[in-house]
Amino acid sequence: MAAGSGAPNIVAFPGQRPPEQVAFDRRELTRILDLYGRMVAAGEWRDYAMDFTKDCATFAAFRRAADVPQMRLEKRPALHQKQGMWALFGEHGQVLKRGHDLVNVLAPVERRLVKLVD
């Protein structure tokens, strides 16, 4: 209680803080790892790496562990209202696809997998 008053000292509930890091949710990670597993089964990928920062979550797939990533997928929520929070990068850093929907952004890799399996 505050000194000299009959009312208790009330502390306001703090507002929501922005997350300390961006991450993939369970549904997104399931989709990404399902594709990764199928590419491993096709003999294309052998390793992966994930990185989580306050601005971006990244998934990279490698042919060999010591190689540059063959594919890099980034989730940047800050770009959600602009070109979309998802971006797919190729082996040389070129942007292959951007968008708002993970399934559509992963479509070029899915098409490549179909060609590899056939």
N, C-alpha and C. Protein backbone atom coordinates (compact mmCIF):
# COMPACT_ATOMS: atom_id res chain seq x y z
N MET A 1 0.84 -1.20 0.00
CA MET A 1 0.00 0.00 0.00
C MET A 1 0.87 1.24 0.00
N ALA A 2 0.36 2.25 -0.64
CA ALA A 2 1.08 3.51 -0.68
C ALA A 2 0.99 4.18 0.68
N ALA A 3 2.06 4.84 1.05
CA ALA A 3 2.08 5.51 2.35
C ALA A 3 1.07 6.63 2.39
N GLY A 4 0.23 6.62 3.42
CA GLY A 4 -0.72 7.70 3.61
C GLY A 4 -2.01 7.56 2.85
N SER A 5 -2.19 6.52 2.01
CA SER A 5 -3.45 6.36 1.29
C SER A 5 -3.99 4.97 1.58
N GLY A 6 -5.28 4.81 1.39
CA GLY A 6 -5.91 3.53 1.65
C GLY A 6 -5.89 2.61 0.45
N ALA A 7 -5.49 3.10 -0.74
CA ALA A 7 -5.51 2.29 -1.96
C ALA A 7 -4.19 1.53 -2.12
N PRO A 8 -4.27 0.29 -2.62
CA PRO A 8 -3.03 -0.46 -2.86
C PRO A 8 -2.26 0.13 -4.04
N ASN A 9 -0.98 -0.10 -4.06
CA ASN A 9 -0.13 0.35 -5.15
C ASN A 9 -0.31 -0.61 -6.32
N ILE A 10 -0.87 -0.16 -7.43
CA ILE A 10 -1.15 -1.02 -8.58
C ILE A 10 -0.14 -0.73 -9.68
N VAL A 11 0.46 -1.79 -10.17
CA VAL A 11 1.42 -1.67 -11.27
C VAL A 11 0.70 -2.11 -12.54
N ALA A 12 0.74 -1.29 -13.56
CA ALA A 12 0.09 -1.61 -14.83
C ALA A 12 0.77 -2.80 -15.48
N PHE A 13 -0.04 -3.65 -16.13
CA PHE A 13 0.49 -4.79 -16.85
C PHE A 13 1.22 -4.27 -18.07
N PRO A 14 2.47 -4.69 -18.26
CA PRO A 14 3.23 -4.16 -19.40
C PRO A 14 2.64 -4.62 -20.73
N GLY A 15 2.77 -3.80 -21.76
CA GLY A 15 2.31 -4.16 -23.10
C GLY A 15 3.15 -5.28 -23.67
N GLN A 16 2.70 -5.84 -24.76
CA GLN A 16 3.46 -6.92 -25.37
C GLN A 16 4.77 -6.38 -25.92
N ARG A 17 5.83 -7.05 -25.57
CA ARG A 17 7.15 -6.70 -26.11
C ARG A 17 7.36 -7.42 -27.43
N PRO A 18 8.10 -6.82 -28.33
CA PRO A 18 8.42 -7.55 -29.56
C PRO A 18 9.28 -8.77 -29.23
N PRO A 19 9.16 -9.84 -30.01
CA PRO A 19 9.95 -11.04 -29.71
C PRO A 19 11.44 -10.75 -29.82
N GLU A 20 12.22 -11.45 -29.01
CA GLU A 20 13.67 -11.25 -29.01
C GLU A 20 14.33 -11.89 -30.22
N GLN A 21 13.63 -12.84 -30.84
CA GLN A 21 14.15 -13.46 -32.06
C GLN A 21 12.99 -13.97 -32.90
N VAL A 22 13.21 -14.01 -34.19
CA VAL A 22 12.22 -14.54 -35.12
C VAL A 22 12.45 -16.05 -35.21
N ALA A 23 11.37 -16.82 -35.26
CA ALA A 23 11.49 -18.27 -35.36
C ALA A 23 10.42 -18.81 -36.30
N PHE A 24 10.59 -20.05 -36.72
CA PHE A 24 9.58 -20.73 -37.51
C PHE A 24 8.56 -21.33 -36.54
N ASP A 25 7.27 -21.25 -36.88
CA ASP A 25 6.30 -21.94 -36.03
C ASP A 25 6.27 -23.42 -36.42
N ARG A 26 5.55 -24.21 -35.68
CA ARG A 26 5.55 -25.66 -35.86
C ARG A 26 5.10 -26.06 -37.28
N ARG A 27 4.07 -25.42 -37.78
CA ARG A 27 3.55 -25.74 -39.12
C ARG A 27 4.59 -25.42 -40.20
N GLU A 28 5.24 -24.26 -40.08
CA GLU A 28 6.27 -23.87 -41.05
C GLU A 28 7.46 -24.82 -41.00
N LEU A 29 7.90 -25.13 -39.80
CA LEU A 29 9.06 -26.01 -39.66
C LEU A 29 8.76 -27.42 -40.16
N THR A 30 7.54 -27.89 -39.94
CA THR A 30 7.14 -29.20 -40.46
C THR A 30 7.21 -29.21 -41.97
N ARG A 31 6.71 -28.16 -42.60
CA ARG A 31 6.73 -28.06 -44.07
C ARG A 31 8.17 -28.03 -44.61
N ILE A 32 9.02 -27.24 -43.96
CA ILE A 32 10.41 -27.09 -44.40
C ILE A 32 11.16 -28.41 -44.23
N LEU A 33 11.03 -29.05 -43.07
CA LEU A 33 11.76 -30.29 -42.81
C LEU A 33 11.22 -31.46 -43.63
N ASP A 34 9.94 -31.42 -43.99
CA ASP A 34 9.39 -32.44 -44.89
C ASP A 34 10.06 -32.34 -46.26
N LEU A 35 10.17 -31.14 -46.77
CA LEU A 35 10.86 -30.93 -48.05
C LEU A 35 12.33 -31.34 -47.94
N TYR A 36 12.97 -30.96 -46.85
CA TYR A 36 14.38 -31.33 -46.64
C TYR A 36 14.54 -32.85 -46.66
N GLY A 37 13.68 -33.57 -45.97
CA GLY A 37 13.75 -35.02 -45.93
C GLY A 37 13.60 -35.66 -47.29
N ARG A 38 12.68 -35.12 -48.09
CA ARG A 38 12.50 -35.65 -49.45
C ARG A 38 13.69 -35.36 -50.33
N MET A 39 14.33 -34.20 -50.15
CA MET A 39 15.53 -33.87 -50.94
C MET A 39 16.72 -34.73 -50.50
N VAL A 40 16.80 -35.07 -49.23
CA VAL A 40 17.84 -35.99 -48.76
C VAL A 40 17.63 -37.36 -49.37
N ALA A 41 16.38 -37.82 -49.39
CA ALA A 41 16.06 -39.13 -49.98
C ALA A 41 16.38 -39.16 -51.47
N ALA A 42 16.26 -38.01 -52.13
CA ALA A 42 16.58 -37.93 -53.56
C ALA A 42 18.09 -37.79 -53.80
N GLY A 43 18.87 -37.63 -52.72
CA GLY A 43 20.32 -37.53 -52.84
C GLY A 43 20.83 -36.13 -53.13
N GLU A 44 19.99 -35.12 -53.03
CA GLU A 44 20.38 -33.74 -53.35
C GLU A 44 21.02 -33.02 -52.17
N TRP A 45 20.47 -33.15 -51.00
CA TRP A 45 20.96 -32.43 -49.82
C TRP A 45 21.48 -33.41 -48.79
N ARG A 46 22.46 -32.96 -48.02
CA ARG A 46 23.02 -33.82 -46.97
C ARG A 46 23.10 -33.15 -45.62
N ASP A 47 22.94 -31.84 -45.57
CA ASP A 47 23.07 -31.12 -44.30
C ASP A 47 22.20 -29.87 -44.34
N TYR A 48 21.90 -29.36 -43.17
CA TYR A 48 21.14 -28.10 -43.10
C TYR A 48 21.62 -27.30 -41.91
N ALA A 49 21.27 -26.03 -41.91
CA ALA A 49 21.58 -25.13 -40.80
C ALA A 49 20.41 -24.18 -40.62
N MET A 50 20.18 -23.79 -39.37
CA MET A 50 19.15 -22.79 -39.06
C MET A 50 19.79 -21.69 -38.24
N ASP A 51 19.34 -20.47 -38.47
CA ASP A 51 19.83 -19.32 -37.73
C ASP A 51 18.64 -18.45 -37.37
N PHE A 52 18.62 -17.97 -36.13
CA PHE A 52 17.52 -17.16 -35.64
C PHE A 52 18.08 -15.88 -35.05
N THR A 53 17.68 -14.74 -35.62
CA THR A 53 18.08 -13.44 -35.11
C THR A 53 16.82 -12.65 -34.77
N LYS A 54 16.99 -11.43 -34.31
CA LYS A 54 15.82 -10.62 -33.96
C LYS A 54 15.06 -10.15 -35.20
N ASP A 55 15.70 -10.17 -36.37
CA ASP A 55 15.07 -9.71 -37.60
C ASP A 55 14.63 -10.83 -38.54
N CYS A 56 15.29 -11.98 -38.44
CA CYS A 56 15.15 -12.97 -39.48
C CYS A 56 15.38 -14.39 -38.95
N ALA A 57 14.62 -15.35 -39.49
CA ALA A 57 14.87 -16.77 -39.27
C ALA A 57 15.30 -17.35 -40.61
N THR A 58 16.38 -18.14 -40.60
CA THR A 58 16.94 -18.66 -41.84
C THR A 58 17.10 -20.17 -41.78
N PHE A 59 16.75 -20.84 -42.88
CA PHE A 59 17.00 -22.27 -43.06
C PHE A 59 17.83 -22.40 -44.31
N ALA A 60 18.97 -23.08 -44.21
CA ALA A 60 19.85 -23.28 -45.36
C ALA A 60 20.08 -24.77 -45.55
N ALA A 61 20.06 -25.23 -46.80
CA ALA A 61 20.28 -26.63 -47.14
C ALA A 61 21.56 -26.74 -47.95
N PHE A 62 22.35 -27.76 -47.65
CA PHE A 62 23.67 -27.94 -48.26
C PHE A 62 23.77 -29.28 -48.97
N ARG A 63 24.51 -29.32 -50.07
CA ARG A 63 24.86 -30.58 -50.73
C ARG A 63 25.87 -31.33 -49.89
N ARG A 64 26.89 -30.60 -49.43
CA ARG A 64 27.92 -31.14 -48.55
C ARG A 64 28.08 -30.19 -47.38
N ALA A 65 28.56 -30.71 -46.26
CA ALA A 65 28.65 -29.90 -45.04
C ALA A 65 29.56 -28.68 -45.20
N ALA A 66 30.62 -28.78 -45.96
CA ALA A 66 31.57 -27.68 -46.09
C ALA A 66 31.28 -26.79 -47.29
N ASP A 67 30.14 -26.94 -47.91
CA ASP A 67 29.79 -26.23 -49.12
C ASP A 67 28.98 -24.97 -48.79
N VAL A 68 28.77 -24.12 -49.80
CA VAL A 68 27.85 -23.00 -49.64
C VAL A 68 26.43 -23.56 -49.73
N PRO A 69 25.45 -22.91 -49.13
CA PRO A 69 24.09 -23.46 -49.20
C PRO A 69 23.56 -23.51 -50.63
N GLN A 70 22.93 -24.60 -50.97
CA GLN A 70 22.31 -24.73 -52.28
C GLN A 70 21.01 -23.94 -52.31
N MET A 71 20.38 -23.82 -51.16
CA MET A 71 19.12 -23.08 -51.03
C MET A 71 19.09 -22.44 -49.66
N ARG A 72 18.59 -21.20 -49.60
CA ARG A 72 18.42 -20.52 -48.31
C ARG A 72 17.02 -19.92 -48.27
N LEU A 73 16.32 -20.19 -47.20
CA LEU A 73 14.97 -19.68 -47.02
C LEU A 73 14.98 -18.72 -45.84
N GLU A 74 14.44 -17.52 -46.03
CA GLU A 74 14.40 -16.53 -44.97
C GLU A 74 12.98 -16.12 -44.66
N LYS A 75 12.71 -15.95 -43.37
CA LYS A 75 11.43 -15.42 -42.89
C LYS A 75 11.74 -14.09 -42.22
N ARG A 76 11.23 -13.00 -42.80
CA ARG A 76 11.42 -11.65 -42.26
C ARG A 76 10.05 -11.01 -42.04
N PRO A 77 9.52 -11.12 -40.83
CA PRO A 77 8.19 -10.57 -40.55
C PRO A 77 8.05 -9.07 -40.82
N ALA A 78 9.13 -8.33 -40.75
CA ALA A 78 9.08 -6.89 -41.01
C ALA A 78 8.64 -6.58 -42.44
N LEU A 79 8.85 -7.52 -43.37
CA LEU A 79 8.47 -7.32 -44.77
C LEU A 79 7.08 -7.88 -45.09
N HIS A 80 6.35 -8.29 -44.08
CA HIS A 80 5.03 -8.91 -44.28
C HIS A 80 4.09 -8.02 -45.09
N GLN A 81 4.08 -6.73 -44.84
CA GLN A 81 3.17 -5.82 -45.54
C GLN A 81 3.71 -5.37 -46.89
N LYS A 82 4.96 -5.67 -47.20
CA LYS A 82 5.57 -5.24 -48.45
C LYS A 82 5.57 -6.39 -49.45
N GLN A 83 6.74 -6.94 -49.77
CA GLN A 83 6.82 -8.00 -50.78
C GLN A 83 6.58 -9.39 -50.22
N GLY A 84 6.34 -9.49 -48.94
CA GLY A 84 6.10 -10.79 -48.31
C GLY A 84 7.25 -11.15 -47.40
N MET A 85 6.94 -11.87 -46.33
CA MET A 85 7.98 -12.15 -45.35
C MET A 85 8.87 -13.34 -45.73
N TRP A 86 8.52 -14.08 -46.77
CA TRP A 86 9.31 -15.25 -47.18
C TRP A 86 10.15 -14.92 -48.40
N ALA A 87 11.40 -15.39 -48.40
CA ALA A 87 12.29 -15.22 -49.55
C ALA A 87 13.12 -16.48 -49.72
N LEU A 88 13.22 -16.94 -50.96
CA LEU A 88 14.01 -18.12 -51.31
C LEU A 88 15.21 -17.64 -52.12
N PHE A 89 16.41 -18.00 -51.66
CA PHE A 89 17.64 -17.60 -52.32
C PHE A 89 18.32 -18.82 -52.91
N GLY A 90 18.95 -18.64 -54.06
CA GLY A 90 19.66 -19.72 -54.73
C GLY A 90 21.09 -19.86 -54.23
N GLU A 91 21.81 -20.72 -54.88
CA GLU A 91 23.18 -21.06 -54.50
C GLU A 91 24.13 -19.86 -54.54
N HIS A 92 23.90 -18.95 -55.46
CA HIS A 92 24.78 -17.79 -55.63
C HIS A 92 24.20 -16.52 -55.01
N GLY A 93 23.18 -16.66 -54.17
CA GLY A 93 22.60 -15.52 -53.48
C GLY A 93 21.49 -14.81 -54.24
N GLN A 94 21.14 -15.30 -55.42
CA GLN A 94 20.08 -14.66 -56.19
C GLN A 94 18.71 -14.98 -55.57
N VAL A 95 17.81 -14.02 -55.62
CA VAL A 95 16.46 -14.23 -55.11
C VAL A 95 15.68 -15.05 -56.15
N LEU A 96 15.25 -16.24 -55.74
CA LEU A 96 14.47 -17.10 -56.65
C LEU A 96 12.99 -16.80 -56.55
N LYS A 97 12.53 -16.48 -55.35
CA LYS A 97 11.09 -16.22 -55.17
C LYS A 97 10.88 -15.49 -53.85
N ARG A 98 9.92 -14.58 -53.84
CA ARG A 98 9.47 -13.88 -52.63
C ARG A 98 7.97 -14.02 -52.55
N GLY A 99 7.45 -13.96 -51.34
CA GLY A 99 6.00 -14.01 -51.23
C GLY A 99 5.49 -14.03 -49.81
N HIS A 100 4.16 -14.08 -49.73
CA HIS A 100 3.47 -14.07 -48.43
C HIS A 100 3.18 -15.48 -47.94
N ASP A 101 3.23 -16.46 -48.83
CA ASP A 101 2.84 -17.83 -48.49
C ASP A 101 4.04 -18.77 -48.65
N LEU A 102 4.34 -19.53 -47.60
CA LEU A 102 5.49 -20.44 -47.63
C LEU A 102 5.39 -21.47 -48.73
N VAL A 103 4.21 -22.02 -48.96
CA VAL A 103 4.03 -23.07 -49.98
C VAL A 103 4.40 -22.53 -51.36
N ASN A 104 3.96 -21.33 -51.68
CA ASN A 104 4.27 -20.75 -52.99
C ASN A 104 5.75 -20.42 -53.14
N VAL A 105 6.39 -20.00 -52.06
CA VAL A 105 7.81 -19.66 -52.12
C VAL A 105 8.66 -20.92 -52.29
N LEU A 106 8.23 -22.03 -51.71
CA LEU A 106 8.97 -23.29 -51.85
C LEU A 106 8.67 -24.02 -53.16
N ALA A 107 7.75 -23.52 -53.96
CA ALA A 107 7.34 -24.18 -55.20
C ALA A 107 8.51 -24.48 -56.16
N PRO A 108 9.48 -23.57 -56.37
CA PRO A 108 10.58 -23.91 -57.27
C PRO A 108 11.39 -25.12 -56.81
N VAL A 109 11.56 -25.27 -55.51
CA VAL A 109 12.30 -26.42 -54.99
C VAL A 109 11.46 -27.68 -55.14
N GLU A 110 10.16 -27.56 -54.92
CA GLU A 110 9.25 -28.71 -55.09
C GLU A 110 9.27 -29.19 -56.55
N ARG A 111 9.24 -28.26 -57.50
CA ARG A 111 9.29 -28.63 -58.92
C ARG A 111 10.60 -29.33 -59.26
N ARG A 112 11.67 -28.83 -58.70
CA ARG A 112 12.98 -29.46 -58.93
C ARG A 112 13.01 -30.88 -58.38
N LEU A 113 12.39 -31.07 -57.22
CA LEU A 113 12.34 -32.40 -56.62
C LEU A 113 11.56 -33.37 -57.51
N VAL A 114 10.47 -32.91 -58.09
CA VAL A 114 9.68 -33.76 -58.99
C VAL A 114 10.53 -34.19 -60.18
N LYS A 115 11.33 -33.28 -60.73
CA LYS A 115 12.20 -33.63 -61.86
C LYS A 115 13.28 -34.64 -61.44
N LEU A 116 13.80 -34.48 -60.22
CA LEU A 116 14.83 -35.40 -59.74
C LEU A 116 14.29 -36.82 -59.54
N VAL A 117 13.07 -36.91 -59.03
CA VAL A 117 12.47 -38.21 -58.74
C VAL A 117 12.06 -38.93 -60.01
N ASP A 118 11.59 -38.18 -61.01
CA ASP A 118 11.14 -38.80 -62.28
C ASP A 118 12.25 -39.31 -63.12
